[in-house]
Amino acid sequence: MGFIFVRPQPAKGGEYSNVSEVKVREGETFESALRRFNKKIKQNGILSEVRRREHYEKPSVRRKRKLVAAKKRRLKAG
């Protein structure tokens, strides 16, 4: 029996806010445990967070990206 887990950076106070872990069941293959783990990470949004933080994004670029996304949402809704 083993564990697969990801620990993001600790929040203020040293506590981990979003720990994703999967306990490997007895007789379960590593591939199926890894598949469950990947599914759990996608559901928690950890993977998209990691990709977003992969490179530094200037505040002006972040604002512009959010404005473009808001415009797209408004056009789609209306």
N, C-alpha and C. Protein backbone atom coordinates (compact mmCIF):
# COMPACT_ATOMS: atom_id res chain seq x y z
N MET A 1 0.85 -1.16 0.00
CA MET A 1 0.00 0.00 0.00
C MET A 1 0.90 1.23 0.00
N GLY A 2 0.53 2.24 -0.77
CA GLY A 2 1.34 3.45 -0.84
C GLY A 2 0.47 4.67 -1.05
N PHE A 3 1.13 5.79 -1.26
CA PHE A 3 0.45 7.06 -1.45
C PHE A 3 1.01 7.76 -2.67
N ILE A 4 0.16 8.51 -3.34
CA ILE A 4 0.57 9.45 -4.37
C ILE A 4 -0.04 10.77 -3.95
N PHE A 5 0.77 11.82 -3.82
CA PHE A 5 0.19 13.09 -3.41
C PHE A 5 1.00 14.25 -3.94
N VAL A 6 0.34 15.40 -3.96
CA VAL A 6 0.95 16.66 -4.36
C VAL A 6 0.73 17.64 -3.24
N ARG A 7 1.76 18.34 -2.85
CA ARG A 7 1.62 19.37 -1.82
C ARG A 7 1.98 20.71 -2.43
N PRO A 8 1.02 21.59 -2.57
CA PRO A 8 1.33 22.94 -3.04
C PRO A 8 2.05 23.74 -1.97
N GLN A 9 2.40 24.96 -2.27
CA GLN A 9 3.07 25.82 -1.31
C GLN A 9 2.17 26.01 -0.08
N PRO A 10 2.75 26.01 1.13
CA PRO A 10 1.92 26.20 2.32
C PRO A 10 1.35 27.60 2.38
N ALA A 11 0.14 27.70 2.88
CA ALA A 11 -0.51 29.00 3.05
C ALA A 11 0.10 29.69 4.26
N LYS A 12 -0.34 30.91 4.53
CA LYS A 12 0.14 31.61 5.72
C LYS A 12 -0.23 30.79 6.94
N GLY A 13 0.70 30.65 7.84
CA GLY A 13 0.47 29.82 9.01
C GLY A 13 1.07 28.44 8.84
N GLY A 14 1.61 28.15 7.66
CA GLY A 14 2.31 26.89 7.43
C GLY A 14 1.42 25.70 7.13
N GLU A 15 0.13 25.91 6.96
CA GLU A 15 -0.78 24.80 6.67
C GLU A 15 -0.95 24.65 5.18
N TYR A 16 -1.08 23.40 4.74
CA TYR A 16 -1.33 23.12 3.33
C TYR A 16 -2.84 23.18 3.11
N SER A 17 -3.25 24.01 2.16
CA SER A 17 -4.68 24.20 1.97
C SER A 17 -5.29 23.19 1.01
N ASN A 18 -4.51 22.73 0.05
CA ASN A 18 -5.09 21.94 -1.02
C ASN A 18 -4.23 20.71 -1.30
N VAL A 19 -4.21 19.76 -0.40
CA VAL A 19 -3.40 18.57 -0.59
C VAL A 19 -4.26 17.52 -1.27
N SER A 20 -3.77 17.03 -2.40
CA SER A 20 -4.47 15.96 -3.11
C SER A 20 -3.70 14.67 -2.92
N GLU A 21 -4.37 13.67 -2.42
CA GLU A 21 -3.70 12.40 -2.24
C GLU A 21 -4.63 11.27 -2.63
N VAL A 22 -4.02 10.19 -3.07
CA VAL A 22 -4.75 8.99 -3.46
C VAL A 22 -4.09 7.82 -2.77
N LYS A 23 -4.86 7.05 -2.04
CA LYS A 23 -4.32 5.86 -1.39
C LYS A 23 -4.42 4.70 -2.38
N VAL A 24 -3.29 4.06 -2.58
CA VAL A 24 -3.25 2.93 -3.51
C VAL A 24 -3.89 1.73 -2.83
N ARG A 25 -4.94 1.22 -3.44
CA ARG A 25 -5.66 0.09 -2.86
C ARG A 25 -4.86 -1.19 -3.03
N GLU A 26 -5.17 -2.15 -2.20
CA GLU A 26 -4.46 -3.42 -2.27
C GLU A 26 -4.83 -4.11 -3.58
N GLY A 27 -3.82 -4.54 -4.30
CA GLY A 27 -4.04 -5.22 -5.58
C GLY A 27 -4.25 -4.27 -6.75
N GLU A 28 -4.22 -2.96 -6.50
CA GLU A 28 -4.44 -1.98 -7.56
C GLU A 28 -3.12 -1.71 -8.28
N THR A 29 -3.19 -1.58 -9.57
CA THR A 29 -1.97 -1.29 -10.33
C THR A 29 -1.60 0.17 -10.16
N PHE A 30 -0.33 0.44 -10.37
CA PHE A 30 0.16 1.82 -10.26
C PHE A 30 -0.50 2.71 -11.30
N GLU A 31 -0.72 2.18 -12.49
CA GLU A 31 -1.32 2.97 -13.57
C GLU A 31 -2.73 3.42 -13.21
N SER A 32 -3.53 2.54 -12.61
CA SER A 32 -4.89 2.93 -12.26
C SER A 32 -4.89 3.94 -11.11
N ALA A 33 -3.96 3.78 -10.17
CA ALA A 33 -3.85 4.75 -9.09
C ALA A 33 -3.42 6.11 -9.63
N LEU A 34 -2.49 6.10 -10.57
CA LEU A 34 -2.04 7.34 -11.19
C LEU A 34 -3.18 8.00 -11.97
N ARG A 35 -4.00 7.20 -12.63
CA ARG A 35 -5.15 7.73 -13.37
C ARG A 35 -6.14 8.41 -12.42
N ARG A 36 -6.41 7.77 -11.27
CA ARG A 36 -7.30 8.38 -10.27
C ARG A 36 -6.70 9.67 -9.72
N PHE A 37 -5.38 9.65 -9.51
CA PHE A 37 -4.70 10.83 -9.00
C PHE A 37 -4.79 11.99 -9.99
N ASN A 38 -4.54 11.71 -11.26
CA ASN A 38 -4.62 12.76 -12.29
C ASN A 38 -6.03 13.33 -12.38
N LYS A 39 -7.03 12.47 -12.26
CA LYS A 39 -8.42 12.93 -12.30
C LYS A 39 -8.71 13.85 -11.12
N LYS A 40 -8.21 13.48 -9.94
CA LYS A 40 -8.44 14.28 -8.74
C LYS A 40 -7.75 15.64 -8.86
N ILE A 41 -6.55 15.67 -9.41
CA ILE A 41 -5.81 16.92 -9.59
C ILE A 41 -6.56 17.85 -10.55
N LYS A 42 -7.09 17.28 -11.63
CA LYS A 42 -7.84 18.10 -12.59
C LYS A 42 -9.10 18.67 -11.94
N GLN A 43 -9.78 17.87 -11.12
CA GLN A 43 -10.99 18.34 -10.45
C GLN A 43 -10.67 19.48 -9.48
N ASN A 44 -9.53 19.40 -8.80
CA ASN A 44 -9.16 20.43 -7.83
C ASN A 44 -8.57 21.66 -8.50
N GLY A 45 -8.25 21.58 -9.77
CA GLY A 45 -7.70 22.73 -10.48
C GLY A 45 -6.22 22.97 -10.21
N ILE A 46 -5.55 21.99 -9.65
CA ILE A 46 -4.13 22.15 -9.32
C ILE A 46 -3.29 22.23 -10.59
N LEU A 47 -3.61 21.41 -11.57
CA LEU A 47 -2.83 21.37 -12.80
C LEU A 47 -2.89 22.70 -13.54
N SER A 48 -4.08 23.29 -13.62
CA SER A 48 -4.20 24.58 -14.30
C SER A 48 -3.47 25.67 -13.50
N GLU A 49 -3.48 25.56 -12.19
CA GLU A 49 -2.76 26.50 -11.34
C GLU A 49 -1.25 26.41 -11.58
N VAL A 50 -0.75 25.20 -11.69
CA VAL A 50 0.68 25.01 -11.94
C VAL A 50 1.06 25.58 -13.29
N ARG A 51 0.24 25.32 -14.29
CA ARG A 51 0.54 25.85 -15.63
C ARG A 51 0.48 27.38 -15.64
N ARG A 52 -0.46 27.94 -14.90
CA ARG A 52 -0.59 29.39 -14.84
C ARG A 52 0.62 30.02 -14.16
N ARG A 53 1.16 29.36 -13.16
CA ARG A 53 2.29 29.90 -12.41
C ARG A 53 3.65 29.49 -12.98
N GLU A 54 3.64 28.78 -14.08
CA GLU A 54 4.89 28.29 -14.65
C GLU A 54 5.84 29.43 -15.01
N HIS A 55 5.28 30.51 -15.54
CA HIS A 55 6.06 31.69 -15.89
C HIS A 55 5.41 32.91 -15.24
N TYR A 56 6.24 33.89 -14.91
CA TYR A 56 5.72 35.10 -14.30
C TYR A 56 4.88 35.87 -15.31
N GLU A 57 3.74 36.36 -14.84
CA GLU A 57 2.86 37.15 -15.68
C GLU A 57 2.74 38.54 -15.06
N LYS A 58 3.12 39.55 -15.83
CA LYS A 58 3.07 40.91 -15.32
C LYS A 58 1.62 41.28 -15.01
N PRO A 59 1.42 42.15 -14.01
CA PRO A 59 0.05 42.55 -13.65
C PRO A 59 -0.71 43.16 -14.82
N SER A 60 -0.03 43.93 -15.68
CA SER A 60 -0.72 44.54 -16.82
C SER A 60 -1.19 43.46 -17.80
N VAL A 61 -0.38 42.43 -18.00
CA VAL A 61 -0.76 41.34 -18.89
C VAL A 61 -1.93 40.56 -18.29
N ARG A 62 -1.89 40.36 -16.97
CA ARG A 62 -2.97 39.64 -16.30
C ARG A 62 -4.29 40.40 -16.44
N ARG A 63 -4.24 41.74 -16.24
CA ARG A 63 -5.46 42.55 -16.38
C ARG A 63 -6.01 42.46 -17.80
N LYS A 64 -5.10 42.55 -18.78
CA LYS A 64 -5.53 42.51 -20.18
C LYS A 64 -6.17 41.16 -20.50
N ARG A 65 -5.59 40.06 -20.00
CA ARG A 65 -6.13 38.73 -20.25
C ARG A 65 -7.52 38.60 -19.64
N LYS A 66 -7.70 39.16 -18.43
CA LYS A 66 -9.01 39.10 -17.78
C LYS A 66 -10.05 39.93 -18.52
N LEU A 67 -9.63 41.09 -19.04
CA LEU A 67 -10.56 41.92 -19.82
C LEU A 67 -11.01 41.21 -21.09
N VAL A 68 -10.08 40.57 -21.77
CA VAL A 68 -10.42 39.83 -23.00
C VAL A 68 -11.38 38.69 -22.68
N ALA A 69 -11.13 37.98 -21.59
CA ALA A 69 -12.02 36.89 -21.19
C ALA A 69 -13.41 37.41 -20.85
N ALA A 70 -13.49 38.56 -20.18
CA ALA A 70 -14.79 39.14 -19.84
C ALA A 70 -15.54 39.55 -21.09
N LYS A 71 -14.83 40.13 -22.06
CA LYS A 71 -15.48 40.51 -23.33
C LYS A 71 -16.03 39.27 -24.05
N LYS A 72 -15.26 38.19 -24.06
CA LYS A 72 -15.71 36.96 -24.70
C LYS A 72 -16.97 36.42 -24.02
N ARG A 73 -16.98 36.48 -22.68
CA ARG A 73 -18.17 36.00 -21.95
C ARG A 73 -19.39 36.83 -22.27
N ARG A 74 -19.20 38.19 -22.34
CA ARG A 74 -20.32 39.08 -22.64
C ARG A 74 -20.85 38.84 -24.05
N LEU A 75 -19.95 38.65 -25.02
CA LEU A 75 -20.38 38.40 -26.39
C LEU A 75 -21.12 37.06 -26.49
N LYS A 76 -20.64 36.06 -25.77
CA LYS A 76 -21.27 34.76 -25.80
C LYS A 76 -22.66 34.78 -25.15
N ALA A 77 -22.81 35.54 -24.07
CA ALA A 77 -24.08 35.61 -23.34
C ALA A 77 -25.11 36.45 -24.08
N GLY A 78 -24.65 37.52 -24.72
CA GLY A 78 -25.60 38.46 -25.29
C GLY A 78 -25.63 38.44 -26.72
